[in-house]
Amino acid sequence: MIQPRAEPLSALYAEDATAWLEAMAELAAQGRLEELDLSNLAEYLSEMARRDRREVKSRLTVLLAHLLKWRYQPHRRSRSWQSSRVEHRTRVPRALRRAPSLAREIPAMIVEEYPAACHKASVQTGLPLRTFPAICPWTPEQILALEFWPDGDDTP
């Protein structure tokens, strides 16, 4: 039960986000909507949406870098690379199950994150950036398919 506070809930938001969230949840569950800290609640919810989007983008960047390394450094392929790629291919769909509205953004996210993935792959492999295609050579379906392995016959 929420105890009366001498300070406003907005102060709790700055002090302890978890305690503030619990207080918000309890107020909402009790129907005490007029007591909700709406300005901070709106900010927090927006940040959660941005966090979900960042998570998917980050996982796509890592996955794209792995695909580039696999394709352009075949002599370095290992079970570890394969395992890491499978791991990230399962994490993206898991994140999309929590936020299915982001699925329609995947093609745009790939376009946005591909240059960063190329830079990451270049740094990790020592290959010049120009080694990698300027535009992502794979479809979103290929990128996320567990069975897809780019072996050189993947040109658009």
Foldseek 3Di string as FASTA:
>chain_A
DDDDDPDALVVVCVVPVVVSVVVQVVCVVVVVVVRRPVVVVVVVVVVVVVVLLVVLLVLLLQLLLLLCCCAPVVVPDDVVSLVSNLVSLVVNVVSCVVVVVCVVVVVVSCQVNVLVSLVVNCVVVVPDSVVDDPGDLDDPCLSNDSPRHNHPPRGD
